[in-house]
Amino acid sequence: MASRKGDYFGLSYIVSIILAIIPITAWICGIITRFQDGKIIAGILRIFFGAWIIWLIDLILMIVSKHILRIIPV
């Protein structure tokens, strides 16, 4: 798999931050990117717990470390 320059679909940091701030887009993009990375369990967890818990963690990690939450490192 090719290396990504951003977390959401290889988008830039600023675009990924904007998508991460809006809860519904962060939830949808998070689910899709987990399944694209082959992380089925992480995608399923994102479906059930991603609305608030993982969204807040993703937002903080995106701002601080420029990466969304990864259960298993890429």
C-alpha atoms as a PDB file:
ATOM      1  CA  MET A   1       0.000   0.000   0.000  1.00  0.00           C
ATOM      2  CA  ALA A   2       1.307   3.436  -0.869  1.00  0.00           C
ATOM      3  CA  SER A   3       2.212   5.817   1.901  1.00  0.00           C
ATOM      4  CA  ARG A   4      -0.339   8.449   2.767  1.00  0.00           C
ATOM      5  CA  LYS A   5       0.370  12.110   3.208  1.00  0.00           C
ATOM      6  CA  GLY A   6      -2.751  12.659   5.341  1.00  0.00           C
ATOM      7  CA  ASP A   7      -5.155  10.584   7.357  1.00  0.00           C
ATOM      8  CA  TYR A   8      -8.432  10.937   5.493  1.00  0.00           C
ATOM      9  CA  PHE A   9      -7.970   9.530   1.974  1.00  0.00           C
ATOM     10  CA  GLY A  10      -4.487  11.033   1.670  1.00  0.00           C
ATOM     11  CA  LEU A  11      -5.845  14.568   1.971  1.00  0.00           C
ATOM     12  CA  SER A  12      -3.789  17.395   3.420  1.00  0.00           C
ATOM     13  CA  TYR A  13      -3.568  18.104   7.141  1.00  0.00           C
ATOM     14  CA  ILE A  14      -5.843  21.168   6.978  1.00  0.00           C
ATOM     15  CA  VAL A  15      -8.581  19.349   5.038  1.00  0.00           C
ATOM     16  CA  SER A  16      -8.329  16.382   7.421  1.00  0.00           C
ATOM     17  CA  ILE A  17      -8.711  18.738  10.410  1.00  0.00           C
ATOM     18  CA  ILE A  18     -11.803  20.330   8.862  1.00  0.00           C
ATOM     19  CA  LEU A  19     -13.317  16.900   8.224  1.00  0.00           C
ATOM     20  CA  ALA A  20     -12.415  15.786  11.766  1.00  0.00           C
ATOM     21  CA  ILE A  21     -14.099  18.797  13.383  1.00  0.00           C
ATOM     22  CA  ILE A  22     -17.509  17.980  11.903  1.00  0.00           C
ATOM     23  CA  PRO A  23     -18.761  14.887  13.790  1.00  0.00           C
ATOM     24  CA  ILE A  24     -20.744  13.228  10.983  1.00  0.00           C
ATOM     25  CA  THR A  25     -17.974  13.594   8.395  1.00  0.00           C
ATOM     26  CA  ALA A  26     -15.381  12.412  10.903  1.00  0.00           C
ATOM     27  CA  TRP A  27     -17.527   9.364  11.646  1.00  0.00           C
ATOM     28  CA  ILE A  28     -18.078   8.481   7.990  1.00  0.00           C
ATOM     29  CA  CYS A  29     -14.482   9.175   6.907  1.00  0.00           C
ATOM     30  CA  GLY A  30     -13.172   7.278   9.930  1.00  0.00           C
ATOM     31  CA  ILE A  31     -15.210   4.195   9.087  1.00  0.00           C
ATOM     32  CA  ILE A  32     -14.189   4.242   5.426  1.00  0.00           C
ATOM     33  CA  THR A  33     -10.482   4.762   6.148  1.00  0.00           C
ATOM     34  CA  ARG A  34     -10.445   1.946   8.736  1.00  0.00           C
ATOM     35  CA  PHE A  35     -11.981  -0.473   6.239  1.00  0.00           C
ATOM     36  CA  GLN A  36      -9.607   0.736   3.491  1.00  0.00           C
ATOM     37  CA  ASP A  37      -6.643   0.017   5.771  1.00  0.00           C
ATOM     38  CA  GLY A  38      -7.992  -3.512   6.278  1.00  0.00           C
ATOM     39  CA  LYS A  39      -8.804  -2.900   9.942  1.00  0.00           C
ATOM     40  CA  ILE A  40     -12.217  -4.552  10.093  1.00  0.00           C
ATOM     41  CA  ILE A  41     -12.483  -4.602  13.904  1.00  0.00           C
ATOM     42  CA  ALA A  42     -11.453  -0.951  14.127  1.00  0.00           C
ATOM     43  CA  GLY A  43     -14.102  -0.103  11.520  1.00  0.00           C
ATOM     44  CA  ILE A  44     -16.782  -1.965  13.446  1.00  0.00           C
ATOM     45  CA  LEU A  45     -15.751  -0.277  16.699  1.00  0.00           C
ATOM     46  CA  ARG A  46     -15.913   3.045  14.866  1.00  0.00           C
ATOM     47  CA  ILE A  47     -19.485   2.302  13.764  1.00  0.00           C
ATOM     48  CA  PHE A  48     -20.699   1.626  17.299  1.00  0.00           C
ATOM     49  CA  PHE A  49     -18.509   3.923  19.440  1.00  0.00           C
ATOM     50  CA  GLY A  50     -17.316   6.512  16.944  1.00  0.00           C
ATOM     51  CA  ALA A  51     -20.102   9.017  17.330  1.00  0.00           C
ATOM     52  CA  TRP A  52     -18.638  10.665  20.446  1.00  0.00           C
ATOM     53  CA  ILE A  53     -15.865   8.729  22.152  1.00  0.00           C
ATOM     54  CA  ILE A  54     -13.568   7.979  19.223  1.00  0.00           C
ATOM     55  CA  TRP A  55     -14.531  11.242  17.484  1.00  0.00           C
ATOM     56  CA  LEU A  56     -13.204  13.266  20.421  1.00  0.00           C
ATOM     57  CA  ILE A  57     -10.022  11.171  20.642  1.00  0.00           C
ATOM     58  CA  ASP A  58      -9.487  11.452  16.860  1.00  0.00           C
ATOM     59  CA  LEU A  59      -9.963  15.214  16.971  1.00  0.00           C
ATOM     60  CA  ILE A  60      -7.450  15.684  19.801  1.00  0.00           C
ATOM     61  CA  LEU A  61      -4.897  13.344  18.191  1.00  0.00           C
ATOM     62  CA  MET A  62      -5.357  14.980  14.777  1.00  0.00           C
ATOM     63  CA  ILE A  63      -4.589  18.403  16.238  1.00  0.00           C
ATOM     64  CA  VAL A  64      -1.729  17.297  18.497  1.00  0.00           C
ATOM     65  CA  SER A  65       0.052  14.536  16.560  1.00  0.00           C
ATOM     66  CA  LYS A  66      -1.442  14.952  13.042  1.00  0.00           C
ATOM     67  CA  HIS A  67      -2.734  11.353  13.032  1.00  0.00           C
ATOM     68  CA  ILE A  68      -6.119   9.823  13.773  1.00  0.00           C
ATOM     69  CA  LEU A  69      -6.468   7.027  16.302  1.00  0.00           C
ATOM     70  CA  ARG A  70      -4.929   3.793  15.011  1.00  0.00           C
ATOM     71  CA  ILE A  71      -5.670   0.649  16.990  1.00  0.00           C
ATOM     72  CA  ILE A  72      -2.957  -1.252  15.136  1.00  0.00           C
ATOM     73  CA  PRO A  73      -0.085   0.903  13.772  1.00  0.00           C
ATOM     74  CA  VAL A  74       0.138   1.197   9.992  1.00  0.00           C
END
